[in-house]
């Protein structure tokens, strides 16, 4: 292990300065030292004082050779099974390949079925077959069935390790069973009552059973009113159900009512975190990553950036096309160019505000697809009120900009335009009115579209988060430019009839 010692000089140095590292790093430093010095007693002492999650996070910081050495050295199969559930996939593969079959089969019995199914699902075929060969035939079938479910369904996160009893079981026998096998189950907080065909007919909480006569049968106290979910339902569907009924455990049933498994509160929290992370990525115009940030290679990160940037580049081409088509208006009034960035950004931000609220409401179940008309009307009114306030403020702000030289107004107006407008001050007021009217229509339309697009996306079975951030901003840019130039053309033509035709001819 000399090579590993030389590979981690920073670890050895940091052992003498605990103020510079967090708890996981410090555990990793200790593990590293005890493993390379073969200090078995100190290693066991560290394991006794450290949780399985902390041990796994510490091993994730070490080399694969040291992780294999750790699994080879420790004899406590339960500890190894719990640690195995939390270490990186690459380390798991190394362990399966390099540790003896007997040792692997021993600690795999302490790995939860859903965790093991998630691991096996993404393995190469040869390694998947090898891992499954370490399992008893009955459990192997369970794991294979779990691994068949798509990653985005409830079946992929459910576990089959729960306590199910027949309705005629006495309460005292339930307690006895919990003592016998409770430590091998995902949870014993809720007892599931099934009939002879394994159909769920009731649920009872363990804490409620503590205060009843132990001689009565569980069917006499069970709750027959319970929530459940299908194994092929989207993972996100579990979130509003658990939230609505305040459930720590949610049973998973087949279409015939057969008990297939359960999902627990921690499973739902994982889904919440996963969905929130995915939404943040999509709102920023990034393809969601399947690996942690620090473990993602630069090329893979670049690929996640490039896809959306190319899409946005193509969409933004339309903005350039619009500007080129209205070049005559810009030749007549060059000052119009100065306000394009402010219009685009403000209307894009207005759309982002609404899309964020609607997407969040869709995610929490507050808004359904059928509510699209109510949402659209509400945002139309709110957008119009917002737009009026912004337009009034903008009128005064634009006048201030032009009269305090915040904007360079030299050659901003043609002499003909100033003459037709009745003077420079009137010309400035016309420009301020054009920009303000563009804000009025642009913000109102941006709010309306941003409220409808996420609902349309969900109705088309797309993630509503796609309709936010850069995508909404790019679409609002196109809309804003069309509104801006349309207003400008109407006012210019009303003040200087035929001037735009002359400008167009001069461009030819």
Protein backbone atom coordinates (compact mmCIF):
# COMPACT_ATOMS: atom_id res chain seq x y z
CA UNK A 1 0.00 0.00 0.00
CA UNK A 2 3.02 2.29 -0.26
CA UNK A 3 1.77 3.53 -3.60
CA UNK A 4 -1.55 4.63 -2.06
CA UNK A 5 0.28 6.42 0.74
CA UNK A 6 2.26 8.43 -1.78
CA UNK A 7 -0.91 9.04 -3.76
CA UNK A 8 -2.56 10.88 -0.84
CA UNK A 9 0.08 13.20 0.73
CA UNK A 10 -2.63 15.79 1.42
CA UNK A 11 -4.60 13.26 3.49
CA UNK A 12 -1.60 12.50 5.70
CA UNK A 13 -0.82 16.17 6.18
CA UNK A 14 -4.46 17.04 6.94
CA UNK A 15 -4.65 14.49 9.74
CA UNK A 16 -2.65 16.93 11.86
CA UNK A 17 -4.98 19.85 11.08
CA UNK A 18 -8.61 18.88 11.66
CA UNK A 19 -9.78 22.49 11.41
CA UNK A 20 -9.27 22.44 7.64
CA UNK A 21 -11.52 19.46 6.88
CA UNK A 22 -15.16 18.52 7.47
CA UNK A 23 -16.28 15.41 9.33
CA UNK A 24 -16.46 13.20 6.21
CA UNK A 25 -12.97 14.20 5.13
CA UNK A 26 -11.68 13.52 8.62
CA UNK A 27 -13.22 10.04 8.64
CA UNK A 28 -11.65 9.46 5.22
CA UNK A 29 -8.26 10.50 6.55
CA UNK A 30 -8.55 8.10 9.45
CA UNK A 31 -9.75 5.25 7.25
CA UNK A 32 -6.83 5.88 4.90
CA UNK A 33 -4.30 5.74 7.73
CA UNK A 34 -5.76 2.67 9.46
CA UNK A 35 -6.03 0.76 6.17
CA UNK A 36 -2.48 1.42 4.96
CA UNK A 37 -1.01 0.69 8.43
CA UNK A 38 -3.24 -2.38 8.90
CA UNK A 39 -4.40 -1.06 12.28
CA UNK A 40 -7.35 -3.40 12.65
CA UNK A 41 -8.33 -2.43 16.21
CA UNK A 42 -8.47 1.30 15.45
CA UNK A 43 -10.40 0.55 12.26
CA UNK A 44 -13.06 -1.40 14.17
CA UNK A 45 -13.21 1.33 16.80
CA UNK A 46 -13.81 3.94 14.08
CA UNK A 47 -16.57 1.82 12.51
CA UNK A 48 -18.32 1.46 15.87
CA UNK A 49 -18.40 5.24 16.32
CA UNK A 50 -19.35 6.17 12.74
CA UNK A 51 -22.66 5.77 10.91
CA UNK A 52 -22.84 3.70 7.73
CA UNK A 53 -23.69 6.82 5.68
CA UNK A 54 -20.60 8.66 6.96
CA UNK A 55 -18.41 5.63 6.31
CA UNK A 56 -19.72 5.39 2.75
CA UNK A 57 -19.14 9.09 2.09
CA UNK A 58 -15.61 8.74 3.46
CA UNK A 59 -14.90 5.72 1.23
CA UNK A 60 -16.15 7.73 -1.74
CA UNK A 61 -13.19 10.05 -1.15
CA UNK A 62 -10.65 7.21 -1.18
CA UNK A 63 -9.31 5.06 -3.99
CA UNK A 64 -11.07 1.93 -5.23
CA UNK A 65 -8.19 -0.20 -3.93
CA UNK A 66 -8.70 1.11 -0.41
CA UNK A 67 -12.45 0.51 -0.62
CA UNK A 68 -11.86 -3.09 -1.72
CA UNK A 69 -9.38 -3.48 1.15
CA UNK A 70 -11.99 -2.13 3.59
CA UNK A 71 -14.58 -4.69 2.42
CA UNK A 72 -11.99 -7.46 2.55
CA UNK A 73 -10.93 -6.57 6.09
CA UNK A 74 -14.26 -5.99 7.86
CA UNK A 75 -16.19 -9.08 8.92
CA UNK A 76 -19.47 -7.46 10.01
CA UNK A 77 -21.73 -8.29 7.07
CA UNK A 78 -24.52 -5.93 8.17
CA UNK A 79 -22.19 -2.94 8.30
CA UNK A 80 -20.79 -3.82 4.89
CA UNK A 81 -24.31 -4.17 3.45
CA UNK A 82 -25.39 -0.78 4.78
CA UNK A 83 -22.20 0.92 3.58
CA UNK A 84 -22.50 -0.74 0.16
CA UNK A 85 -25.89 0.97 -0.37
CA UNK A 86 -24.34 4.46 -0.22
CA UNK A 87 -20.98 4.20 -2.00
CA UNK A 88 -20.37 5.22 -5.62
CA UNK A 89 -21.39 2.84 -8.41
CA UNK A 90 -17.78 2.54 -9.62
CA UNK A 91 -16.70 1.34 -6.18
CA UNK A 92 -19.58 -1.15 -6.03
CA UNK A 93 -18.48 -2.67 -9.32
CA UNK A 94 -14.89 -2.99 -8.08
CA UNK A 95 -16.10 -4.74 -4.94
CA UNK A 96 -18.29 -7.23 -6.83
CA UNK A 97 -15.37 -8.11 -9.10
CA UNK A 98 -12.58 -8.29 -6.51
CA UNK A 99 -14.24 -9.66 -3.35
CA UNK A 100 -14.92 -13.37 -2.84
CA UNK A 101 -18.34 -14.74 -3.74
CA UNK A 102 -19.01 -15.85 -0.19
CA UNK A 103 -18.24 -12.40 1.21
CA UNK A 104 -20.37 -10.59 -1.38
CA UNK A 105 -23.31 -12.98 -0.92
CA UNK A 106 -23.03 -12.39 2.82
CA UNK A 107 -23.33 -8.60 2.85
CA UNK A 108 -25.77 -8.36 -0.09
CA UNK A 109 -28.45 -9.86 2.14
CA UNK A 110 -28.32 -6.63 4.17
CA UNK A 111 -28.77 -4.39 1.10
CA UNK A 112 -32.36 -3.23 0.61
CA UNK A 113 -34.07 -4.69 -2.46
CA UNK A 114 -34.80 -1.33 -4.07
CA UNK A 115 -31.18 -0.18 -3.64
CA UNK A 116 -29.87 -3.43 -5.07
CA UNK A 117 -32.28 -3.28 -8.02
CA UNK A 118 -31.15 0.28 -8.82
CA UNK A 119 -27.53 -0.86 -8.82
CA UNK A 120 -28.09 -3.98 -10.93
CA UNK A 121 -30.26 -2.18 -13.47
CA UNK A 122 -27.38 -0.14 -14.91
CA UNK A 123 -24.66 -2.82 -14.78
CA UNK A 124 -23.11 -4.38 -17.90
CA UNK A 125 -24.74 -7.71 -18.68
CA UNK A 126 -21.81 -9.87 -17.53
CA UNK A 127 -21.54 -8.07 -14.18
CA UNK A 128 -25.31 -8.10 -13.74
CA UNK A 129 -25.40 -11.87 -14.19
CA UNK A 130 -22.48 -12.26 -11.77
CA UNK A 131 -24.16 -10.15 -9.08
CA UNK A 132 -27.51 -11.93 -9.43
CA UNK A 133 -25.76 -15.29 -9.12
CA UNK A 134 -24.82 -14.33 -5.55
CA UNK A 135 -28.49 -14.08 -4.54
CA UNK A 136 -30.92 -16.86 -3.52
CA UNK A 137 -33.35 -17.80 -6.31
CA UNK A 138 -36.39 -16.22 -4.62
CA UNK A 139 -34.67 -12.90 -3.99
CA UNK A 140 -33.09 -12.94 -7.44
CA UNK A 141 -36.58 -13.04 -8.95
CA UNK A 142 -37.70 -10.10 -6.79
CA UNK A 143 -34.68 -8.01 -7.81
CA UNK A 144 -35.15 -8.81 -11.50
CA UNK A 145 -38.81 -7.78 -11.30
CA UNK A 146 -37.92 -4.48 -9.63
CA UNK A 147 -35.18 -3.77 -12.18
CA UNK A 148 -37.67 -4.10 -15.04
CA UNK A 149 -39.50 -0.90 -14.09
CA UNK A 150 -38.59 2.30 -15.89
CA UNK A 151 -36.42 4.77 -13.95
CA UNK A 152 -39.17 7.38 -13.82
CA UNK A 153 -41.87 5.08 -12.38
CA UNK A 154 -42.87 4.21 -8.82
CA UNK A 155 -41.82 0.60 -9.40
CA UNK A 156 -38.18 1.65 -9.71
CA UNK A 157 -38.09 3.07 -6.16
CA UNK A 158 -40.45 0.74 -4.28
CA UNK A 159 -39.17 -1.91 -1.89
CA UNK A 160 -40.65 -5.32 -1.16
CA UNK A 161 -39.36 -5.41 2.43
CA UNK A 162 -42.45 -4.64 4.48
CA UNK A 163 -44.55 -6.47 7.08
CA UNK A 164 -47.74 -8.04 5.74
CA UNK A 165 -50.05 -10.23 7.84
CA UNK A 166 -53.38 -11.97 7.43
CA UNK A 167 -56.51 -10.32 8.88
CA UNK A 168 -56.93 -13.08 11.50
CA UNK A 169 -53.47 -12.43 12.98
CA UNK A 170 -53.58 -11.36 16.64
CA UNK A 171 -51.89 -8.19 17.75
CA UNK A 172 -49.50 -10.08 20.03
CA UNK A 173 -48.40 -12.22 17.07
CA UNK A 174 -47.72 -9.09 15.04
CA UNK A 175 -45.43 -7.82 17.82
CA UNK A 176 -43.68 -11.18 17.91
CA UNK A 177 -43.13 -11.09 14.15
CA UNK A 178 -41.70 -7.58 14.37
CA UNK A 179 -39.17 -8.79 16.94
CA UNK A 180 -38.23 -11.72 14.71
CA UNK A 181 -37.78 -10.03 11.32
CA UNK A 182 -38.23 -6.29 11.94
CA UNK A 183 -34.54 -5.45 11.51
CA UNK A 184 -34.58 -6.88 7.97
CA UNK A 185 -37.50 -4.73 6.81
CA UNK A 186 -37.52 -1.22 5.37
CA UNK A 187 -39.99 -0.07 8.03
CA UNK A 188 -42.35 -1.52 10.64
CA UNK A 189 -44.19 1.73 11.38
CA UNK A 190 -47.15 0.45 9.40
CA UNK A 191 -48.52 -3.09 9.17
CA UNK A 192 -50.20 -4.13 5.92
CA UNK A 193 -53.12 -6.56 6.14
CA UNK A 194 -53.61 -8.77 3.06
CA UNK A 195 -56.01 -11.58 2.22
CA UNK A 196 -55.07 -15.05 0.99
CA UNK A 197 -54.56 -13.66 -2.54
CA UNK A 198 -52.14 -10.98 -1.28
CA UNK A 199 -54.68 -8.21 -1.90
CA UNK A 200 -54.37 -5.28 0.48
CA UNK A 201 -57.49 -4.89 2.62
CA UNK A 202 -56.23 -2.65 5.43
CA UNK A 203 -53.38 -0.80 7.14
CA UNK A 204 -52.59 -0.28 10.81
CA UNK A 205 -49.98 1.98 12.42
CA UNK A 206 -47.65 0.39 14.95
CA UNK A 207 -48.07 3.23 17.47
CA UNK A 208 -51.87 2.70 17.46
CA UNK A 209 -51.43 -1.01 18.16
CA UNK A 210 -49.50 -0.23 21.36
CA UNK A 211 -52.73 0.77 23.13
CA UNK A 212 -55.08 -2.10 22.20
CA UNK A 213 -55.71 -5.54 23.61
CA UNK A 214 -53.03 -7.92 22.29
CA UNK A 215 -55.55 -10.76 22.04
CA UNK A 216 -57.76 -9.12 19.41
CA UNK A 217 -57.33 -9.79 15.71
CA UNK A 218 -55.80 -7.05 13.61
CA UNK A 219 -58.81 -6.97 11.26
CA UNK A 220 -60.84 -5.48 14.11
CA UNK A 221 -58.65 -2.39 14.42
CA UNK A 222 -57.22 -1.93 10.90
CA UNK A 223 -58.03 1.08 8.76
CA UNK A 224 -59.83 0.16 5.57
CA UNK A 225 -59.51 3.65 4.13
CA UNK A 226 -56.01 4.04 2.69
CA UNK A 227 -54.17 5.75 -0.14
CA UNK A 228 -52.10 3.78 -2.64
CA UNK A 229 -50.31 4.15 -5.95
CA UNK A 230 -49.63 2.09 -9.08
CA UNK A 231 -46.13 0.77 -9.84
CA UNK A 232 -46.27 2.26 -13.36
CA UNK A 233 -47.25 5.74 -12.12
CA UNK A 234 -44.73 8.54 -12.49
CA UNK A 235 -42.55 9.00 -9.40
CA UNK A 236 -43.71 12.60 -9.08
CA UNK A 237 -47.30 11.45 -8.49
CA UNK A 238 -46.33 10.11 -5.07
CA UNK A 239 -45.37 13.57 -3.81
CA UNK A 240 -48.87 15.18 -3.69
CA UNK A 241 -50.40 11.95 -2.30
CA UNK A 242 -47.94 11.72 0.60
CA UNK A 243 -48.26 15.45 1.22
CA UNK A 244 -52.07 15.46 1.17
CA UNK A 245 -52.45 12.53 3.59
CA UNK A 246 -49.22 13.13 5.55
CA UNK A 247 -48.04 9.58 4.86
CA UNK A 248 -44.68 8.14 5.97
CA UNK A 249 -45.38 4.99 3.90
CA UNK A 250 -47.37 4.53 0.70
CA UNK A 251 -48.39 1.03 -0.51
CA UNK A 252 -47.89 0.11 -4.16
CA UNK A 253 -50.70 -1.99 -5.63
CA UNK A 254 -51.29 -3.71 -8.94
CA UNK A 255 -54.41 -2.90 -10.95
CA UNK A 256 -56.05 -5.90 -9.23
CA UNK A 257 -55.26 -4.59 -5.76
CA UNK A 258 -52.40 -7.01 -5.14
CA UNK A 259 -49.73 -5.75 -2.73
CA UNK A 260 -46.46 -5.30 -4.65
CA UNK A 261 -44.36 -3.13 -2.36
CA UNK A 262 -44.09 0.18 -0.54
CA UNK A 263 -42.38 3.52 -0.92
CA UNK A 264 -41.27 5.34 2.22
CA UNK A 265 -40.90 8.98 3.17
CA UNK A 266 -37.16 8.96 2.39
CA UNK A 267 -37.93 7.59 -1.09
CA UNK A 268 -40.36 10.47 -1.67
CA UNK A 269 -37.79 12.98 -0.41
CA UNK A 270 -35.26 11.55 -2.89
CA UNK A 271 -37.81 12.05 -5.66
CA UNK A 272 -38.45 15.64 -4.52
CA UNK A 273 -34.72 16.39 -4.56
CA UNK A 274 -34.27 14.69 -7.93
CA UNK A 275 -37.20 16.55 -9.49
CA UNK A 276 -36.13 19.90 -8.04
CA UNK A 277 -32.60 19.39 -9.37
CA UNK A 278 -33.94 18.40 -12.79
CA UNK A 279 -36.24 21.45 -12.87
CA UNK A 280 -33.36 23.78 -11.96
CA UNK A 281 -31.27 22.33 -14.80
CA UNK A 282 -34.10 22.65 -17.31
CA UNK A 283 -34.95 26.18 -16.21
CA UNK A 284 -31.32 27.11 -16.84
CA UNK A 285 -31.31 25.45 -20.27
CA UNK A 286 -29.10 22.50 -19.24
CA UNK A 287 -29.74 18.83 -19.98
CA UNK A 288 -30.11 17.07 -16.57
CA UNK A 289 -27.01 15.13 -15.45
CA UNK A 290 -27.22 11.59 -14.09
CA UNK A 291 -24.05 11.85 -11.99
CA UNK A 292 -23.00 14.25 -9.20
CA UNK A 293 -21.36 17.48 -10.36
CA UNK A 294 -17.81 16.64 -9.24
CA UNK A 295 -18.03 13.17 -10.80
CA UNK A 296 -19.27 14.43 -14.18
CA UNK A 297 -16.58 14.59 -16.85
CA UNK A 298 -15.95 17.89 -18.65
CA UNK A 299 -16.97 16.47 -22.05
CA UNK A 300 -20.30 15.24 -20.65
CA UNK A 301 -20.93 18.62 -19.05
CA UNK A 302 -20.16 20.38 -22.32
CA UNK A 303 -22.63 18.12 -24.12
CA UNK A 304 -25.37 19.03 -21.61
CA UNK A 305 -24.68 22.73 -22.25
CA UNK A 306 -24.40 22.53 -26.04
CA UNK A 307 -27.77 20.90 -26.77
CA UNK A 308 -29.85 23.74 -25.35
CA UNK A 309 -27.52 26.48 -26.56
CA UNK A 310 -27.90 25.26 -30.15
CA UNK A 311 -31.70 25.16 -29.77
CA UNK A 312 -31.71 28.70 -28.33
CA UNK A 313 -29.33 29.89 -31.05
CA UNK A 314 -31.75 28.68 -33.73
CA UNK A 315 -34.70 30.35 -31.95
CA UNK A 316 -32.79 33.61 -31.50
CA UNK A 317 -32.13 33.67 -35.24
CA UNK A 318 -35.74 34.78 -35.63
CA UNK A 319 -34.97 37.88 -33.54
CA UNK A 320 -32.24 38.82 -36.01
CA UNK A 321 -34.62 38.22 -38.91
CA UNK A 322 -37.22 40.56 -37.36
CA UNK A 323 -34.66 43.35 -36.85
CA UNK A 324 -33.46 43.01 -40.44
CA UNK A 325 -37.04 43.19 -41.77
CA UNK A 326 -37.69 46.43 -39.86
CA UNK A 327 -34.39 48.08 -40.72
CA UNK A 328 -36.27 50.94 -42.45
CA UNK A 329 -37.77 51.98 -39.12
CA UNK A 330 -34.33 51.98 -37.54
CA UNK A 331 -32.97 54.13 -40.38
CA UNK A 332 -35.75 56.64 -39.85
CA UNK A 333 -35.36 56.64 -36.05
CA UNK A 334 -31.97 55.18 -35.03
CA UNK A 335 -32.75 55.85 -31.35
CA UNK A 336 -35.22 52.95 -31.41
CA UNK A 337 -32.21 50.60 -31.25
CA UNK A 338 -31.25 51.86 -27.77
CA UNK A 339 -34.37 50.47 -26.13
CA UNK A 340 -34.34 46.95 -27.62
CA UNK A 341 -32.20 45.38 -24.83
CA UNK A 342 -34.39 46.86 -22.05
CA UNK A 343 -37.57 45.70 -23.78
CA UNK A 344 -36.30 42.19 -24.43
CA UNK A 345 -34.92 41.69 -20.92
CA UNK A 346 -37.93 43.16 -19.11
CA UNK A 347 -40.53 41.23 -21.10
CA UNK A 348 -38.44 38.06 -20.82
CA UNK A 349 -38.20 38.54 -17.06
CA UNK A 350 -41.95 39.13 -16.88
CA UNK A 351 -42.51 35.83 -18.66
CA UNK A 352 -40.05 34.06 -16.32
CA UNK A 353 -41.94 35.34 -13.27
CA UNK A 354 -45.23 33.87 -14.47
CA UNK A 355 -43.81 30.61 -15.81
CA UNK A 356 -42.02 29.99 -12.49
CA UNK A 357 -45.24 30.44 -10.52
CA UNK A 358 -47.31 28.30 -12.88
CA UNK A 359 -44.69 25.53 -13.06
CA UNK A 360 -44.47 25.42 -9.28
CA UNK A 361 -48.27 25.30 -8.95
CA UNK A 362 -48.39 22.46 -11.49
CA UNK A 363 -45.70 20.56 -9.57
CA UNK A 364 -47.59 20.83 -6.28
CA UNK A 365 -50.91 19.89 -7.89
CA UNK A 366 -52.47 23.28 -7.15
CA UNK A 367 -53.17 23.78 -10.86
CA UNK A 368 -54.66 21.11 -13.12
CA UNK A 369 -54.79 21.07 -16.92
CA UNK A 370 -58.48 21.93 -16.76
CA UNK A 371 -57.64 25.22 -15.00
CA UNK A 372 -55.89 26.67 -18.06
CA UNK A 373 -58.64 29.24 -18.79
CA UNK A 374 -58.81 30.44 -15.18
CA UNK A 375 -54.99 30.73 -15.02
CA UNK A 376 -54.80 32.52 -18.37
CA UNK A 377 -57.45 35.10 -17.39
CA UNK A 378 -55.85 35.70 -13.99
CA UNK A 379 -52.40 36.25 -15.53
CA UNK A 380 -53.87 38.38 -18.32
CA UNK A 381 -55.37 40.74 -15.76
CA UNK A 382 -52.29 40.70 -13.53
CA UNK A 383 -50.06 41.21 -16.56
CA UNK A 384 -52.11 44.14 -17.81
CA UNK A 385 -52.00 45.88 -14.42
CA UNK A 386 -48.25 45.25 -14.20
CA UNK A 387 -47.74 46.47 -17.76
CA UNK A 388 -49.63 49.74 -17.13
CA UNK A 389 -47.46 50.51 -14.08
CA UNK A 390 -44.24 49.66 -15.94
CA UNK A 391 -45.31 51.64 -19.03
CA UNK A 392 -46.07 54.78 -16.98
CA UNK A 393 -42.75 54.51 -15.15
CA UNK A 394 -40.92 53.82 -18.40
CA UNK A 395 -42.36 56.93 -20.08
CA UNK A 396 -40.85 59.16 -17.43
CA UNK A 397 -37.62 57.16 -17.34
CA UNK A 398 -37.08 57.37 -21.12
CA UNK A 399 -37.69 61.12 -21.04
CA UNK A 400 -35.13 61.39 -18.23
CA UNK A 401 -32.62 59.32 -20.20
CA UNK A 402 -32.92 61.48 -23.30
CA UNK A 403 -32.80 64.82 -21.44
CA UNK A 404 -29.88 64.02 -19.12
CA UNK A 405 -27.62 62.49 -21.78
CA UNK A 406 -27.82 59.02 -20.23
CA UNK A 407 -28.52 58.11 -23.85
CA UNK A 408 -26.62 59.81 -26.62
CA UNK A 409 -29.31 61.56 -28.69
CA UNK A 410 -26.95 63.07 -31.27
CA UNK A 411 -28.30 62.19 -34.72
CA UNK A 412 -31.05 60.19 -32.97
CA UNK A 413 -33.79 61.95 -34.97
CA UNK A 414 -33.92 63.01 -38.58
CA UNK A 415 -34.65 66.73 -39.15
CA UNK A 416 -37.82 65.75 -41.01
CA UNK A 417 -39.12 63.76 -38.02
CA UNK A 418 -38.42 66.62 -35.59
CA UNK A 419 -40.19 69.04 -37.91
CA UNK A 420 -43.23 66.81 -38.36
CA UNK A 421 -43.38 66.13 -34.62
CA UNK A 422 -43.39 69.83 -33.79
CA UNK A 423 -40.03 70.08 -32.09
CA UNK A 424 -37.39 67.97 -30.31
CA UNK A 425 -39.35 67.68 -27.07
CA UNK A 426 -42.41 66.35 -28.89
CA UNK A 427 -40.16 63.92 -30.79
CA UNK A 428 -38.79 62.62 -27.50
CA UNK A 429 -42.30 62.19 -26.12
CA UNK A 430 -43.27 60.19 -29.21
CA UNK A 431 -40.31 57.85 -28.71
CA UNK A 432 -41.13 57.49 -24.99
CA UNK A 433 -44.73 56.67 -25.97
CA UNK A 434 -43.58 54.07 -28.54
CA UNK A 435 -41.38 52.30 -25.97
CA UNK A 436 -44.05 52.49 -23.26
CA UNK A 437 -46.74 51.09 -25.56
CA UNK A 438 -44.36 48.29 -26.50
CA UNK A 439 -43.92 47.56 -22.78
CA UNK A 440 -47.69 47.60 -22.28
CA UNK A 441 -48.39 45.05 -25.02
CA UNK A 442 -45.15 43.08 -24.53
CA UNK A 443 -45.49 42.44 -20.79
CA UNK A 444 -49.20 41.65 -21.08
CA UNK A 445 -48.58 39.11 -23.87
CA UNK A 446 -45.51 37.70 -22.10
CA UNK A 447 -47.53 37.02 -18.93
CA UNK A 448 -50.34 35.42 -20.91
CA UNK A 449 -48.10 33.13 -22.97
CA UNK A 450 -45.95 32.18 -19.99
CA UNK A 451 -49.08 31.05 -18.13
CA UNK A 452 -50.34 28.90 -20.98
CA UNK A 453 -47.16 27.25 -22.31
CA UNK A 454 -46.33 25.16 -19.18
CA UNK A 455 -49.91 23.85 -19.07
CA UNK A 456 -49.73 22.95 -22.76
CA UNK A 457 -46.41 21.19 -22.13
CA UNK A 458 -47.92 19.10 -19.32
CA UNK A 459 -50.95 18.26 -21.46
CA UNK A 460 -48.51 16.96 -24.09
CA UNK A 461 -46.77 14.84 -21.41
CA UNK A 462 -43.69 17.08 -21.39
CA UNK A 463 -41.99 18.49 -18.30
CA UNK A 464 -43.47 21.99 -17.74
CA UNK A 465 -40.02 23.14 -16.53
CA UNK A 466 -38.91 23.08 -20.16
CA UNK A 467 -41.14 26.12 -20.74
CA UNK A 468 -39.12 28.42 -18.53
CA UNK A 469 -35.86 30.30 -18.25
CA UNK A 470 -33.93 30.72 -21.51
CA UNK A 471 -36.64 29.20 -23.70
CA UNK A 472 -39.36 31.55 -22.44
CA UNK A 473 -36.93 34.50 -22.65
CA UNK A 474 -36.03 33.70 -26.26
CA UNK A 475 -39.67 33.35 -27.26
CA UNK A 476 -40.52 36.61 -25.48
CA UNK A 477 -37.68 38.35 -27.39
CA UNK A 478 -39.33 37.47 -30.67
CA UNK A 479 -42.77 38.56 -29.46
CA UNK A 480 -41.45 41.82 -27.96
CA UNK A 481 -39.60 42.83 -31.12
CA UNK A 482 -42.70 42.24 -33.22
CA UNK A 483 -44.81 44.37 -30.87
CA UNK A 484 -42.15 47.08 -30.61
CA UNK A 485 -41.65 47.51 -34.33
CA UNK A 486 -45.36 47.25 -35.07
CA UNK A 487 -46.07 50.15 -32.68
CA UNK A 488 -43.13 52.13 -34.08
CA UNK A 489 -44.27 51.65 -37.68
CA UNK A 490 -47.83 52.77 -36.92
CA UNK A 491 -46.65 55.98 -35.18
CA UNK A 492 -43.98 56.82 -37.75
CA UNK A 493 -46.41 56.31 -40.60
CA UNK A 494 -49.04 58.47 -38.88
CA UNK A 495 -46.52 61.31 -38.36
CA UNK A 496 -44.54 60.96 -41.59
CA UNK A 497 -46.73 59.25 -44.20
CA UNK A 498 -44.69 57.57 -46.91
CA UNK A 499 -41.35 58.05 -45.11
CA UNK A 500 -40.93 54.32 -44.52
CA UNK A 501 -41.47 53.62 -48.22
CA UNK A 502 -38.66 56.04 -49.02
CA UNK A 503 -36.42 54.35 -46.45
CA UNK A 504 -37.14 50.92 -47.90
CA UNK A 505 -36.32 52.18 -51.44
CA UNK A 506 -33.03 53.66 -50.17
CA UNK A 507 -32.06 50.22 -48.82
CA UNK A 508 -32.39 48.57 -52.24
